[in-house]
Amino acid sequence: MFPPENRLDIPIIEVSTLQGCDPDRQARLGEVFESLRQEGFLIVASGMAVHSFPSIHIMRETSTKEDKETTATKILAESGAFDTHLWETIEELYEFKRLYPTVEHFTPLLVADGAASKDALG
């Protein structure tokens, strides 16, 4: 991320998220690191808002260009719906259960949110 010719001289810490998707616990884990962020530590969250192995499999199984386009449109609609409703509710959504068979790709976002400065968020 920071090549030797463009070295960024700040401390970086890698953190694993907690098992499960209790949003409050994940955010509290991030809050532990908020003070480090204030001291200049870089906090990077790695994960995806959508992580759907079934969608990848469906795309691989389509054979014609038309089927791929139809399938891609459906998958993008599902992903868009998930993103739109993300902060309204997490555990209740059909899309969450479909797009996250496991939650380890989503929880880094919750930890990063906990580490974010509430003053900076407005």
PDB file of N, CA and C in Angstrom:
ATOM      1  N   MET A   1       0.819  -1.170   0.000  1.00  0.00           N
ATOM      2  CA  MET A   1       0.000   0.000   0.000  1.00  0.00           C
ATOM      3  C   MET A   1       0.877   1.252   0.000  1.00  0.00           C
ATOM      4  N   PHE A   2       1.980   1.212   0.714  1.00  0.00           N
ATOM      5  CA  PHE A   2       2.893   2.352   0.749  1.00  0.00           C
ATOM      6  C   PHE A   2       4.269   1.868   0.301  1.00  0.00           C
ATOM      7  N   PRO A   3       4.599   2.010  -0.991  1.00  0.00           N
ATOM      8  CA  PRO A   3       5.883   1.513  -1.502  1.00  0.00           C
ATOM      9  C   PRO A   3       7.059   2.285  -0.909  1.00  0.00           C
ATOM     10  N   PRO A   4       8.253   1.675  -0.939  1.00  0.00           N
ATOM     11  CA  PRO A   4       9.437   2.308  -0.337  1.00  0.00           C
ATOM     12  C   PRO A   4       9.694   3.728  -0.846  1.00  0.00           C
ATOM     13  N   GLU A   5       9.396   3.990  -2.107  1.00  0.00           N
ATOM     14  CA  GLU A   5       9.651   5.328  -2.638  1.00  0.00           C
ATOM     15  C   GLU A   5       8.616   6.350  -2.157  1.00  0.00           C
ATOM     16  N   ASN A   6       7.526   5.891  -1.581  1.00  0.00           N
ATOM     17  CA  ASN A   6       6.493   6.782  -1.057  1.00  0.00           C
ATOM     18  C   ASN A   6       6.106   6.318   0.347  1.00  0.00           C
ATOM     19  N   ARG A   7       7.103   6.105   1.163  1.00  0.00           N
ATOM     20  CA  ARG A   7       6.919   5.535   2.493  1.00  0.00           C
ATOM     21  C   ARG A   7       6.086   6.463   3.389  1.00  0.00           C
ATOM     22  N   LEU A   8       5.152   5.852   4.087  1.00  0.00           N
ATOM     23  CA  LEU A   8       4.344   6.582   5.049  1.00  0.00           C
ATOM     24  C   LEU A   8       4.807   6.151   6.428  1.00  0.00           C
ATOM     25  N   ASP A   9       5.347   7.068   7.175  1.00  0.00           N
ATOM     26  CA  ASP A   9       5.955   6.728   8.460  1.00  0.00           C
ATOM     27  C   ASP A   9       4.960   6.912   9.599  1.00  0.00           C
ATOM     28  N   ILE A  10       3.969   6.015   9.651  1.00  0.00           N
ATOM     29  CA  ILE A  10       3.016   6.020  10.759  1.00  0.00           C
ATOM     30  C   ILE A  10       2.840   4.578  11.233  1.00  0.00           C
ATOM     31  N   PRO A  11       2.534   4.403  12.504  1.00  0.00           N
ATOM     32  CA  PRO A  11       2.343   3.046  13.023  1.00  0.00           C
ATOM     33  C   PRO A  11       1.059   2.421  12.494  1.00  0.00           C
ATOM     34  N   ILE A  12       1.107   1.130  12.224  1.00  0.00           N
ATOM     35  CA  ILE A  12      -0.048   0.381  11.739  1.00  0.00           C
ATOM     36  C   ILE A  12      -0.214  -0.860  12.601  1.00  0.00           C
ATOM     37  N   ILE A  13      -1.443  -1.140  13.027  1.00  0.00           N
ATOM     38  CA  ILE A  13      -1.750  -2.321  13.827  1.00  0.00           C
ATOM     39  C   ILE A  13      -2.831  -3.118  13.114  1.00  0.00           C
ATOM     40  N   GLU A  14      -2.634  -4.418  13.006  1.00  0.00           N
ATOM     41  CA  GLU A  14      -3.639  -5.297  12.425  1.00  0.00           C
ATOM     42  C   GLU A  14      -4.465  -5.903  13.559  1.00  0.00           C
ATOM     43  N   VAL A  15      -5.784  -5.901  13.403  1.00  0.00           N
ATOM     44  CA  VAL A  15      -6.679  -6.410  14.442  1.00  0.00           C
ATOM     45  C   VAL A  15      -7.689  -7.354  13.808  1.00  0.00           C
ATOM     46  N   SER A  16      -7.925  -8.486  14.435  1.00  0.00           N
ATOM     47  CA  SER A  16      -9.001  -9.376  14.006  1.00  0.00           C
ATOM     48  C   SER A  16     -10.288  -8.949  14.687  1.00  0.00           C
ATOM     49  N   THR A  17     -11.398  -9.151  14.006  1.00  0.00           N
ATOM     50  CA  THR A  17     -12.683  -8.822  14.611  1.00  0.00           C
ATOM     51  C   THR A  17     -13.119  -9.940  15.545  1.00  0.00           C
ATOM     52  N   LEU A  18     -14.158  -9.650  16.304  1.00  0.00           N
ATOM     53  CA  LEU A  18     -14.712 -10.640  17.220  1.00  0.00           C
ATOM     54  C   LEU A  18     -15.576 -11.631  16.449  1.00  0.00           C
ATOM     55  N   GLN A  19     -15.696 -12.845  16.954  1.00  0.00           N
ATOM     56  CA  GLN A  19     -16.542 -13.830  16.307  1.00  0.00           C
ATOM     57  C   GLN A  19     -18.004 -13.410  16.436  1.00  0.00           C
ATOM     58  N   GLY A  20     -18.771 -13.626  15.392  1.00  0.00           N
ATOM     59  CA  GLY A  20     -20.186 -13.307  15.415  1.00  0.00           C
ATOM     60  C   GLY A  20     -20.471 -11.901  14.942  1.00  0.00           C
ATOM     61  N   CYS A  21     -21.742 -11.566  14.883  1.00  0.00           N
ATOM     62  CA  CYS A  21     -22.126 -10.245  14.371  1.00  0.00           C
ATOM     63  C   CYS A  21     -22.972  -9.496  15.378  1.00  0.00           C
ATOM     64  N   ASP A  22     -22.454  -9.297  16.559  1.00  0.00           N
ATOM     65  CA  ASP A  22     -23.111  -8.426  17.518  1.00  0.00           C
ATOM     66  C   ASP A  22     -22.574  -7.028  17.214  1.00  0.00           C
ATOM     67  N   PRO A  23     -23.359  -6.199  16.519  1.00  0.00           N
ATOM     68  CA  PRO A  23     -22.847  -4.895  16.092  1.00  0.00           C
ATOM     69  C   PRO A  23     -22.289  -4.053  17.230  1.00  0.00           C
ATOM     70  N   ASP A  24     -22.915  -4.102  18.396  1.00  0.00           N
ATOM     71  CA  ASP A  24     -22.431  -3.293  19.516  1.00  0.00           C
ATOM     72  C   ASP A  24     -21.063  -3.759  19.989  1.00  0.00           C
ATOM     73  N   ARG A  25     -20.853  -5.070  20.072  1.00  0.00           N
ATOM     74  CA  ARG A  25     -19.544  -5.592  20.493  1.00  0.00           C
ATOM     75  C   ARG A  25     -18.467  -5.218  19.480  1.00  0.00           C
ATOM     76  N   GLN A  26     -18.785  -5.319  18.189  1.00  0.00           N
ATOM     77  CA  GLN A  26     -17.805  -4.976  17.158  1.00  0.00           C
ATOM     78  C   GLN A  26     -17.444  -3.492  17.244  1.00  0.00           C
ATOM     79  N   ALA A  27     -18.447  -2.636  17.417  1.00  0.00           N
ATOM     80  CA  ALA A  27     -18.185  -1.194  17.521  1.00  0.00           C
ATOM     81  C   ALA A  27     -17.378  -0.876  18.775  1.00  0.00           C
ATOM     82  N   ARG A  28     -17.674  -1.550  19.890  1.00  0.00           N
ATOM     83  CA  ARG A  28     -16.903  -1.309  21.128  1.00  0.00           C
ATOM     84  C   ARG A  28     -15.445  -1.714  20.936  1.00  0.00           C
ATOM     85  N   LEU A  29     -15.211  -2.794  20.172  1.00  0.00           N
ATOM     86  CA  LEU A  29     -13.829  -3.174  19.873  1.00  0.00           C
ATOM     87  C   LEU A  29     -13.134  -2.029  19.144  1.00  0.00           C
ATOM     88  N   GLY A  30     -13.801  -1.433  18.184  1.00  0.00           N
ATOM     89  CA  GLY A  30     -13.223  -0.292  17.476  1.00  0.00           C
ATOM     90  C   GLY A  30     -12.982   0.899  18.367  1.00  0.00           C
ATOM     91  N   GLU A  31     -13.878   1.126  19.322  1.00  0.00           N
ATOM     92  CA  GLU A  31     -13.724   2.267  20.234  1.00  0.00           C
ATOM     93  C   GLU A  31     -12.432   2.180  21.036  1.00  0.00           C
ATOM     94  N   VAL A  32     -11.950   0.971  21.270  1.00  0.00           N
ATOM     95  CA  VAL A  32     -10.677   0.786  21.969  1.00  0.00           C
ATOM     96  C   VAL A  32      -9.547   1.453  21.190  1.00  0.00           C
ATOM     97  N   PHE A  33      -9.668   1.470  19.870  1.00  0.00           N
ATOM     98  CA  PHE A  33      -8.599   2.000  19.024  1.00  0.00           C
ATOM     99  C   PHE A  33      -8.785   3.460  18.642  1.00  0.00           C
ATOM    100  N   GLU A  34      -9.905   4.063  19.011  1.00  0.00           N
ATOM    101  CA  GLU A  34     -10.154   5.454  18.653  1.00  0.00           C
ATOM    102  C   GLU A  34      -9.059   6.369  19.191  1.00  0.00           C
ATOM    103  N   SER A  35      -8.597   6.119  20.401  1.00  0.00           N
ATOM    104  CA  SER A  35      -7.545   6.986  20.960  1.00  0.00           C
ATOM    105  C   SER A  35      -6.232   6.816  20.194  1.00  0.00           C
ATOM    106  N   LEU A  36      -5.963   5.608  19.704  1.00  0.00           N
ATOM    107  CA  LEU A  36      -4.760   5.403  18.894  1.00  0.00           C
ATOM    108  C   LEU A  36      -4.867   6.176  17.578  1.00  0.00           C
ATOM    109  N   ARG A  37      -6.052   6.214  17.001  1.00  0.00           N
ATOM    110  CA  ARG A  37      -6.255   6.975  15.772  1.00  0.00           C
ATOM    111  C   ARG A  37      -5.943   8.444  16.032  1.00  0.00           C
ATOM    112  N   GLN A  38      -6.351   8.934  17.201  1.00  0.00           N
ATOM    113  CA  GLN A  38      -6.077  10.331  17.562  1.00  0.00           C
ATOM    114  C   GLN A  38      -4.573  10.587  17.685  1.00  0.00           C
ATOM    115  N   GLU A  39      -3.806   9.528  17.980  1.00  0.00           N
ATOM    116  CA  GLU A  39      -2.352   9.651  18.107  1.00  0.00           C
ATOM    117  C   GLU A  39      -1.628   9.473  16.776  1.00  0.00           C
ATOM    118  N   GLY A  40      -2.376   9.257  15.691  1.00  0.00           N
ATOM    119  CA  GLY A  40      -1.757   9.156  14.380  1.00  0.00           C
ATOM    120  C   GLY A  40      -1.650   7.755  13.813  1.00  0.00           C
ATOM    121  N   PHE A  41      -2.213   6.771  14.492  1.00  0.00           N
ATOM    122  CA  PHE A  41      -2.210   5.421  13.948  1.00  0.00           C
ATOM    123  C   PHE A  41      -3.178   5.348  12.771  1.00  0.00           C
ATOM    124  N   LEU A  42      -2.822   4.562  11.780  1.00  0.00           N
ATOM    125  CA  LEU A  42      -3.685   4.323  10.627  1.00  0.00           C
ATOM    126  C   LEU A  42      -4.582   3.138  10.943  1.00  0.00           C
ATOM    127  N   ILE A  43      -5.886   3.316  10.798  1.00  0.00           N
ATOM    128  CA  ILE A  43      -6.836   2.227  11.005  1.00  0.00           C
ATOM    129  C   ILE A  43      -7.493   1.943   9.663  1.00  0.00           C
ATOM    130  N   VAL A  44      -7.314   0.732   9.175  1.00  0.00           N
ATOM    131  CA  VAL A  44      -7.858   0.326   7.888  1.00  0.00           C
ATOM    132  C   VAL A  44      -8.817  -0.831   8.121  1.00  0.00           C
ATOM    133  N   ALA A  45     -10.030  -0.704   7.623  1.00  0.00           N
ATOM    134  CA  ALA A  45     -11.005  -1.792   7.716  1.00  0.00           C
ATOM    135  C   ALA A  45     -11.020  -2.532   6.384  1.00  0.00           C
ATOM    136  N   SER A  46     -10.908  -3.819   6.451  1.00  0.00           N
ATOM    137  CA  SER A  46     -10.920  -4.624   5.243  1.00  0.00           C
ATOM    138  C   SER A  46     -12.132  -5.536   5.271  1.00  0.00           C
ATOM    139  N   GLY A  47     -12.961  -5.404   4.313  1.00  0.00           N
ATOM    140  CA  GLY A  47     -14.160  -6.216   4.215  1.00  0.00           C
ATOM    141  C   GLY A  47     -14.967  -5.714   3.033  1.00  0.00           C
ATOM    142  N   MET A  48     -16.124  -6.273   2.862  1.00  0.00           N
ATOM    143  CA  MET A  48     -16.956  -5.886   1.736  1.00  0.00           C
ATOM    144  C   MET A  48     -18.389  -5.714   2.199  1.00  0.00           C
ATOM    145  N   ALA A  49     -19.088  -4.771   1.610  1.00  0.00           N
ATOM    146  CA  ALA A  49     -20.503  -4.613   1.924  1.00  0.00           C
ATOM    147  C   ALA A  49     -21.314  -5.764   1.352  1.00  0.00           C
ATOM    148  N   VAL A  50     -20.801  -6.415   0.335  1.00  0.00           N
ATOM    149  CA  VAL A  50     -21.479  -7.566  -0.257  1.00  0.00           C
ATOM    150  C   VAL A  50     -20.448  -8.660  -0.475  1.00  0.00           C
ATOM    151  N   HIS A  51     -20.815  -9.864  -0.080  1.00  0.00           N
ATOM    152  CA  HIS A  51     -19.902 -11.002  -0.212  1.00  0.00           C
ATOM    153  C   HIS A  51     -20.739 -12.243  -0.494  1.00  0.00           C
ATOM    154  N   SER A  52     -21.034 -12.492  -1.767  1.00  0.00           N
ATOM    155  CA  SER A  52     -22.000 -13.527  -2.117  1.00  0.00           C
ATOM    156  C   SER A  52     -21.392 -14.611  -2.989  1.00  0.00           C
ATOM    157  N   PHE A  53     -20.971 -15.696  -2.365  1.00  0.00           N
ATOM    158  CA  PHE A  53     -20.474 -16.837  -3.138  1.00  0.00           C
ATOM    159  C   PHE A  53     -21.563 -17.432  -4.035  1.00  0.00           C
ATOM    160  N   PRO A  54     -22.822 -17.510  -3.585  1.00  0.00           N
ATOM    161  CA  PRO A  54     -23.856 -18.023  -4.489  1.00  0.00           C
ATOM    162  C   PRO A  54     -23.972 -17.188  -5.767  1.00  0.00           C
ATOM    163  N   SER A  55     -23.833 -15.878  -5.656  1.00  0.00           N
ATOM    164  CA  SER A  55     -23.910 -15.029  -6.847  1.00  0.00           C
ATOM    165  C   SER A  55     -22.754 -15.305  -7.798  1.00  0.00           C
ATOM    166  N   ILE A  56     -21.574 -15.505  -7.256  1.00  0.00           N
ATOM    167  CA  ILE A  56     -20.416 -15.843  -8.100  1.00  0.00           C
ATOM    168  C   ILE A  56     -20.667 -17.152  -8.825  1.00  0.00           C
ATOM    169  N   HIS A  57     -21.186 -18.136  -8.100  1.00  0.00           N
ATOM    170  CA  HIS A  57     -21.475 -19.439  -8.697  1.00  0.00           C
ATOM    171  C   HIS A  57     -22.522 -19.307  -9.810  1.00  0.00           C
ATOM    172  N   ILE A  58     -23.584 -18.548  -9.559  1.00  0.00           N
ATOM    173  CA  ILE A  58     -24.624 -18.352 -10.563  1.00  0.00           C
ATOM    174  C   ILE A  58     -24.040 -17.707 -11.817  1.00  0.00           C
ATOM    175  N   MET A  59     -23.196 -16.701 -11.650  1.00  0.00           N
ATOM    176  CA  MET A  59     -22.575 -16.038 -12.809  1.00  0.00           C
ATOM    177  C   MET A  59     -21.714 -17.010 -13.607  1.00  0.00           C
ATOM    178  N   ARG A  60     -20.991 -17.872 -12.912  1.00  0.00           N
ATOM    179  CA  ARG A  60     -20.139 -18.841 -13.610  1.00  0.00           C
ATOM    180  C   ARG A  60     -20.957 -19.863 -14.392  1.00  0.00           C
ATOM    181  N   GLU A  61     -22.166 -20.147 -13.909  1.00  0.00           N
ATOM    182  CA  GLU A  61     -23.017 -21.156 -14.541  1.00  0.00           C
ATOM    183  C   GLU A  61     -23.777 -20.626 -15.750  1.00  0.00           C
ATOM    184  N   THR A  62     -23.897 -19.310 -15.900  1.00  0.00           N
ATOM    185  CA  THR A  62     -24.620 -18.773 -17.053  1.00  0.00           C
ATOM    186  C   THR A  62     -23.755 -18.920 -18.287  1.00  0.00           C
ATOM    187  N   SER A  63     -24.409 -19.252 -19.412  1.00  0.00           N
ATOM    188  CA  SER A  63     -23.624 -19.564 -20.603  1.00  0.00           C
ATOM    189  C   SER A  63     -23.693 -18.502 -21.686  1.00  0.00           C
ATOM    190  N   THR A  64     -24.811 -17.795 -21.788  1.00  0.00           N
ATOM    191  CA  THR A  64     -24.929 -16.808 -22.856  1.00  0.00           C
ATOM    192  C   THR A  64     -24.687 -15.405 -22.322  1.00  0.00           C
ATOM    193  N   LYS A  65     -24.347 -14.525 -23.217  1.00  0.00           N
ATOM    194  CA  LYS A  65     -24.122 -13.125 -22.841  1.00  0.00           C
ATOM    195  C   LYS A  65     -25.401 -12.514 -22.268  1.00  0.00           C
ATOM    196  N   GLU A  66     -26.533 -12.841 -22.874  1.00  0.00           N
ATOM    197  CA  GLU A  66     -27.816 -12.321 -22.394  1.00  0.00           C
ATOM    198  C   GLU A  66     -28.119 -12.805 -20.973  1.00  0.00           C
ATOM    199  N   ASP A  67     -27.888 -14.096 -20.699  1.00  0.00           N
ATOM    200  CA  ASP A  67     -28.103 -14.635 -19.352  1.00  0.00           C
ATOM    201  C   ASP A  67     -27.173 -13.971 -18.337  1.00  0.00           C
ATOM    202  N   LYS A  68     -25.924 -13.754 -18.740  1.00  0.00           N
ATOM    203  CA  LYS A  68     -24.974 -13.095 -17.834  1.00  0.00           C
ATOM    204  C   LYS A  68     -25.447 -11.681 -17.492  1.00  0.00           C
ATOM    205  N   GLU A  69     -25.927 -10.951 -18.498  1.00  0.00           N
ATOM    206  CA  GLU A  69     -26.406  -9.587 -18.259  1.00  0.00           C
ATOM    207  C   GLU A  69     -27.634  -9.582 -17.348  1.00  0.00           C
ATOM    208  N   THR A  70     -28.573 -10.508 -17.593  1.00  0.00           N
ATOM    209  CA  THR A  70     -29.768 -10.613 -16.756  1.00  0.00           C
ATOM    210  C   THR A  70     -29.391 -10.962 -15.320  1.00  0.00           C
ATOM    211  N   THR A  71     -28.495 -11.918 -15.180  1.00  0.00           N
ATOM    212  CA  THR A  71     -28.055 -12.344 -13.848  1.00  0.00           C
ATOM    213  C   THR A  71     -27.309 -11.221 -13.148  1.00  0.00           C
ATOM    214  N   ALA A  72     -26.433 -10.537 -13.859  1.00  0.00           N
ATOM    215  CA  ALA A  72     -25.680  -9.426 -13.269  1.00  0.00           C
ATOM    216  C   ALA A  72     -26.628  -8.324 -12.802  1.00  0.00           C
ATOM    217  N   THR A  73     -27.650  -8.034 -13.586  1.00  0.00           N
ATOM    218  CA  THR A  73     -28.635  -7.023 -13.200  1.00  0.00           C
ATOM    219  C   THR A  73     -29.331  -7.425 -11.912  1.00  0.00           C
ATOM    220  N   LYS A  74     -29.708  -8.702 -11.800  1.00  0.00           N
ATOM    221  CA  LYS A  74     -30.370  -9.195 -10.592  1.00  0.00           C
ATOM    222  C   LYS A  74     -29.432  -9.090  -9.389  1.00  0.00           C
ATOM    223  N   ILE A  75     -28.184  -9.501  -9.562  1.00  0.00           N
ATOM    224  CA  ILE A  75     -27.218  -9.468  -8.462  1.00  0.00           C
ATOM    225  C   ILE A  75     -26.945  -8.028  -8.035  1.00  0.00           C
ATOM    226  N   LEU A  76     -26.791  -7.124  -8.992  1.00  0.00           N
ATOM    227  CA  LEU A  76     -26.567  -5.716  -8.657  1.00  0.00           C
ATOM    228  C   LEU A  76     -27.772  -5.120  -7.945  1.00  0.00           C
ATOM    229  N   ALA A  77     -28.972  -5.534  -8.324  1.00  0.00           N
ATOM    230  CA  ALA A  77     -30.176  -5.048  -7.634  1.00  0.00           C
ATOM    231  C   ALA A  77     -30.183  -5.526  -6.185  1.00  0.00           C
ATOM    232  N   GLU A  78     -29.825  -6.790  -5.972  1.00  0.00           N
ATOM    233  CA  GLU A  78     -29.746  -7.309  -4.601  1.00  0.00           C
ATOM    234  C   GLU A  78     -28.707  -6.540  -3.793  1.00  0.00           C
ATOM    235  N   SER A  79     -27.541  -6.322  -4.381  1.00  0.00           N
ATOM    236  CA  SER A  79     -26.473  -5.600  -3.695  1.00  0.00           C
ATOM    237  C   SER A  79     -26.892  -4.165  -3.386  1.00  0.00           C
ATOM    238  N   GLY A  80     -27.537  -3.521  -4.328  1.00  0.00           N
ATOM    239  CA  GLY A  80     -28.006  -2.156  -4.114  1.00  0.00           C
ATOM    240  C   GLY A  80     -29.037  -2.078  -3.002  1.00  0.00           C
ATOM    241  N   ALA A  81     -29.941  -3.056  -2.970  1.00  0.00           N
ATOM    242  CA  ALA A  81     -30.944  -3.085  -1.904  1.00  0.00           C
ATOM    243  C   ALA A  81     -30.267  -3.247  -0.547  1.00  0.00           C
ATOM    244  N   PHE A  82     -29.266  -4.105  -0.505  1.00  0.00           N
ATOM    245  CA  PHE A  82     -28.556  -4.309   0.754  1.00  0.00           C
ATOM    246  C   PHE A  82     -27.872  -3.035   1.212  1.00  0.00           C
ATOM    247  N   ASP A  83     -27.166  -2.382   0.302  1.00  0.00           N
ATOM    248  CA  ASP A  83     -26.481  -1.136   0.653  1.00  0.00           C
ATOM    249  C   ASP A  83     -27.462  -0.064   1.123  1.00  0.00           C
ATOM    250  N   THR A  84     -28.601   0.034   0.443  1.00  0.00           N
ATOM    251  CA  THR A  84     -29.598   1.033   0.802  1.00  0.00           C
ATOM    252  C   THR A  84     -30.123   0.826   2.213  1.00  0.00           C
ATOM    253  N   HIS A  85     -30.327  -0.419   2.596  1.00  0.00           N
ATOM    254  CA  HIS A  85     -30.927  -0.734   3.891  1.00  0.00           C
ATOM    255  C   HIS A  85     -29.909  -1.057   4.980  1.00  0.00           C
ATOM    256  N   LEU A  86     -28.637  -0.975   4.652  1.00  0.00           N
ATOM    257  CA  LEU A  86     -27.591  -1.420   5.556  1.00  0.00           C
ATOM    258  C   LEU A  86     -27.733  -0.868   6.968  1.00  0.00           C
ATOM    259  N   TRP A  87     -27.909   0.444   7.086  1.00  0.00           N
ATOM    260  CA  TRP A  87     -27.943   1.049   8.412  1.00  0.00           C
ATOM    261  C   TRP A  87     -29.330   1.015   9.043  1.00  0.00           C
ATOM    262  N   GLU A  88     -30.350   0.688   8.275  1.00  0.00           N
ATOM    263  CA  GLU A  88     -31.692   0.586   8.840  1.00  0.00           C
ATOM    264  C   GLU A  88     -31.811  -0.637   9.749  1.00  0.00           C
ATOM    265  N   THR A  89     -31.318  -1.733   9.248  1.00  0.00           N
ATOM    266  CA  THR A  89     -31.326  -2.954  10.052  1.00  0.00           C
ATOM    267  C   THR A  89     -30.325  -3.921   9.447  1.00  0.00           C
ATOM    268  N   ILE A  90     -29.684  -4.693  10.265  1.00  0.00           N
ATOM    269  CA  ILE A  90     -28.663  -5.605   9.764  1.00  0.00           C
ATOM    270  C   ILE A  90     -29.147  -7.045   9.814  1.00  0.00           C
ATOM    271  N   GLU A  91     -29.484  -7.517  10.943  1.00  0.00           N
ATOM    272  CA  GLU A  91     -29.760  -8.930  11.102  1.00  0.00           C
ATOM    273  C   GLU A  91     -31.126  -9.369  10.572  1.00  0.00           C
ATOM    274  N   GLU A  92     -32.020  -8.456  10.271  1.00  0.00           N
ATOM    275  CA  GLU A  92     -33.369  -8.796   9.836  1.00  0.00           C
ATOM    276  C   GLU A  92     -33.484  -8.960   8.311  1.00  0.00           C
ATOM    277  N   LEU A  93     -32.573  -8.426   7.555  1.00  0.00           N
ATOM    278  CA  LEU A  93     -32.721  -8.379   6.104  1.00  0.00           C
ATOM    279  C   LEU A  93     -32.485  -9.727   5.426  1.00  0.00           C
ATOM    280  N   TYR A  94     -33.331 -10.035   4.473  1.00  0.00           N
ATOM    281  CA  TYR A  94     -33.115 -11.209   3.617  1.00  0.00           C
ATOM    282  C   TYR A  94     -31.754 -11.088   2.929  1.00  0.00           C
ATOM    283  N   GLU A  95     -31.453  -9.893   2.418  1.00  0.00           N
ATOM    284  CA  GLU A  95     -30.201  -9.710   1.674  1.00  0.00           C
ATOM    285  C   GLU A  95     -28.982 -10.002   2.541  1.00  0.00           C
ATOM    286  N   PHE A  96     -29.035  -9.614   3.826  1.00  0.00           N
ATOM    287  CA  PHE A  96     -27.888  -9.875   4.699  1.00  0.00           C
ATOM    288  C   PHE A  96     -27.654 -11.373   4.823  1.00  0.00           C
ATOM    289  N   LYS A  97     -28.726 -12.099   5.043  1.00  0.00           N
ATOM    290  CA  LYS A  97     -28.595 -13.550   5.199  1.00  0.00           C
ATOM    291  C   LYS A  97     -28.115 -14.204   3.905  1.00  0.00           C
ATOM    292  N   ARG A  98     -28.551 -13.692   2.757  1.00  0.00           N
ATOM    293  CA  ARG A  98     -28.133 -14.257   1.475  1.00  0.00           C
ATOM    294  C   ARG A  98     -26.697 -13.852   1.119  1.00  0.00           C
ATOM    295  N   LEU A  99     -26.366 -12.589   1.342  1.00  0.00           N
ATOM    296  CA  LEU A  99     -25.069 -12.079   0.912  1.00  0.00           C
ATOM    297  C   LEU A  99     -23.959 -12.350   1.915  1.00  0.00           C
ATOM    298  N   TYR A 100     -24.327 -12.696   3.140  1.00  0.00           N
ATOM    299  CA  TYR A 100     -23.341 -12.988   4.177  1.00  0.00           C
ATOM    300  C   TYR A 100     -23.631 -14.321   4.840  1.00  0.00           C
ATOM    301  N   PRO A 101     -23.256 -15.423   4.181  1.00  0.00           N
ATOM    302  CA  PRO A 101     -23.439 -16.709   4.853  1.00  0.00           C
ATOM    303  C   PRO A 101     -22.627 -16.755   6.147  1.00  0.00           C
ATOM    304  N   THR A 102     -21.527 -16.024   6.170  1.00  0.00           N
ATOM    305  CA  THR A 102     -20.759 -15.792   7.386  1.00  0.00           C
ATOM    306  C   THR A 102     -20.460 -14.294   7.424  1.00  0.00           C
ATOM    307  N   VAL A 103     -20.197 -13.746   8.601  1.00  0.00           N
ATOM    308  CA  VAL A 103     -20.143 -12.294   8.744  1.00  0.00           C
ATOM    309  C   VAL A 103     -18.745 -11.692   8.807  1.00  0.00           C
ATOM    310  N   GLU A 104     -17.710 -12.525   8.697  1.00  0.00           N
ATOM    311  CA  GLU A 104     -16.360 -12.000   8.910  1.00  0.00           C
ATOM    312  C   GLU A 104     -15.934 -10.967   7.875  1.00  0.00           C
ATOM    313  N   HIS A 105     -16.641 -10.871   6.749  1.00  0.00           N
ATOM    314  CA  HIS A 105     -16.300  -9.857   5.752  1.00  0.00           C
ATOM    315  C   HIS A 105     -17.036  -8.548   6.002  1.00  0.00           C
ATOM    316  N   PHE A 106     -17.987  -8.562   6.905  1.00  0.00           N
ATOM    317  CA  PHE A 106     -18.772  -7.382   7.202  1.00  0.00           C
ATOM    318  C   PHE A 106     -18.344  -6.694   8.492  1.00  0.00           C
ATOM    319  N   THR A 107     -17.950  -7.472   9.487  1.00  0.00           N
ATOM    320  CA  THR A 107     -17.668  -6.913  10.810  1.00  0.00           C
ATOM    321  C   THR A 107     -16.527  -5.897  10.840  1.00  0.00           C
ATOM    322  N   PRO A 108     -15.534  -5.925   9.935  1.00  0.00           N
ATOM    323  CA  PRO A 108     -14.511  -4.865   9.989  1.00  0.00           C
ATOM    324  C   PRO A 108     -15.102  -3.462   9.841  1.00  0.00           C
ATOM    325  N   LEU A 109     -16.181  -3.338   9.100  1.00  0.00           N
ATOM    326  CA  LEU A 109     -16.829  -2.044   8.953  1.00  0.00           C
ATOM    327  C   LEU A 109     -17.344  -1.545  10.300  1.00  0.00           C
ATOM    328  N   LEU A 110     -17.880  -2.450  11.101  1.00  0.00           N
ATOM    329  CA  LEU A 110     -18.396  -2.067  12.420  1.00  0.00           C
ATOM    330  C   LEU A 110     -17.265  -1.655  13.354  1.00  0.00           C
ATOM    331  N   VAL A 111     -16.141  -2.374  13.288  1.00  0.00           N
ATOM    332  CA  VAL A 111     -14.992  -2.033  14.124  1.00  0.00           C
ATOM    333  C   VAL A 111     -14.428  -0.674  13.708  1.00  0.00           C
ATOM    334  N   ALA A 112     -14.310  -0.454  12.406  1.00  0.00           N
ATOM    335  CA  ALA A 112     -13.804   0.842  11.928  1.00  0.00           C
ATOM    336  C   ALA A 112     -14.728   1.982  12.337  1.00  0.00           C
ATOM    337  N   ASP A 113     -16.029   1.736  12.295  1.00  0.00           N
ATOM    338  CA  ASP A 113     -16.972   2.752  12.736  1.00  0.00           C
ATOM    339  C   ASP A 113     -16.768   3.097  14.201  1.00  0.00           C
ATOM    340  N   GLY A 114     -16.509   2.078  15.010  1.00  0.00           N
ATOM    341  CA  GLY A 114     -16.244   2.324  16.432  1.00  0.00           C
ATOM    342  C   GLY A 114     -14.975   3.129  16.641  1.00  0.00           C
ATOM    343  N   ALA A 115     -13.994   2.955  15.766  1.00  0.00           N
ATOM    344  CA  ALA A 115     -12.723   3.670  15.906  1.00  0.00           C
ATOM    345  C   ALA A 115     -12.781   5.087  15.342  1.00  0.00           C
ATOM    346  N   ALA A 116     -13.780   5.371  14.544  1.00  0.00           N
ATOM    347  CA  ALA A 116     -13.882   6.691  13.922  1.00  0.00           C
ATOM    348  C   ALA A 116     -14.181   7.757  14.960  1.00  0.00           C
ATOM    349  N   SER A 117     -13.637   8.923  14.744  1.00  0.00           N
ATOM    350  CA  SER A 117     -13.911  10.041  15.637  1.00  0.00           C
ATOM    351  C   SER A 117     -15.350  10.490  15.457  1.00  0.00           C
ATOM    352  N   LYS A 118     -16.107  10.463  16.510  1.00  0.00           N
ATOM    353  CA  LYS A 118     -17.506  10.894  16.426  1.00  0.00           C
ATOM    354  C   LYS A 118     -17.596  12.378  16.076  1.00  0.00           C
ATOM    355  N   ASP A 119     -16.604  13.167  16.475  1.00  0.00           N
ATOM    356  CA  ASP A 119     -16.573  14.581  16.111  1.00  0.00           C
ATOM    357  C   ASP A 119     -16.409  14.751  14.609  1.00  0.00           C
ATOM    358  N   ALA A 120     -15.591  13.888  14.005  1.00  0.00           N
ATOM    359  CA  ALA A 120     -15.334  13.994  12.560  1.00  0.00           C
ATOM    360  C   ALA A 120     -16.551  13.570  11.744  1.00  0.00           C
ATOM    361  N   LEU A 121     -17.402  12.734  12.331  1.00  0.00           N
ATOM    362  CA  LEU A 121     -18.561  12.244  11.602  1.00  0.00           C
ATOM    363  C   LEU A 121     -19.731  13.213  11.610  1.00  0.00           C
ATOM    364  N   GLY A 122     -19.651  14.238  12.426  1.00  0.00           N
ATOM    365  CA  GLY A 122     -20.684  15.264  12.448  1.00  0.00           C
ATOM    366  C   GLY A 122     -21.792  15.014  13.363  1.00  0.00           C
TER     367      GLY A 122
END
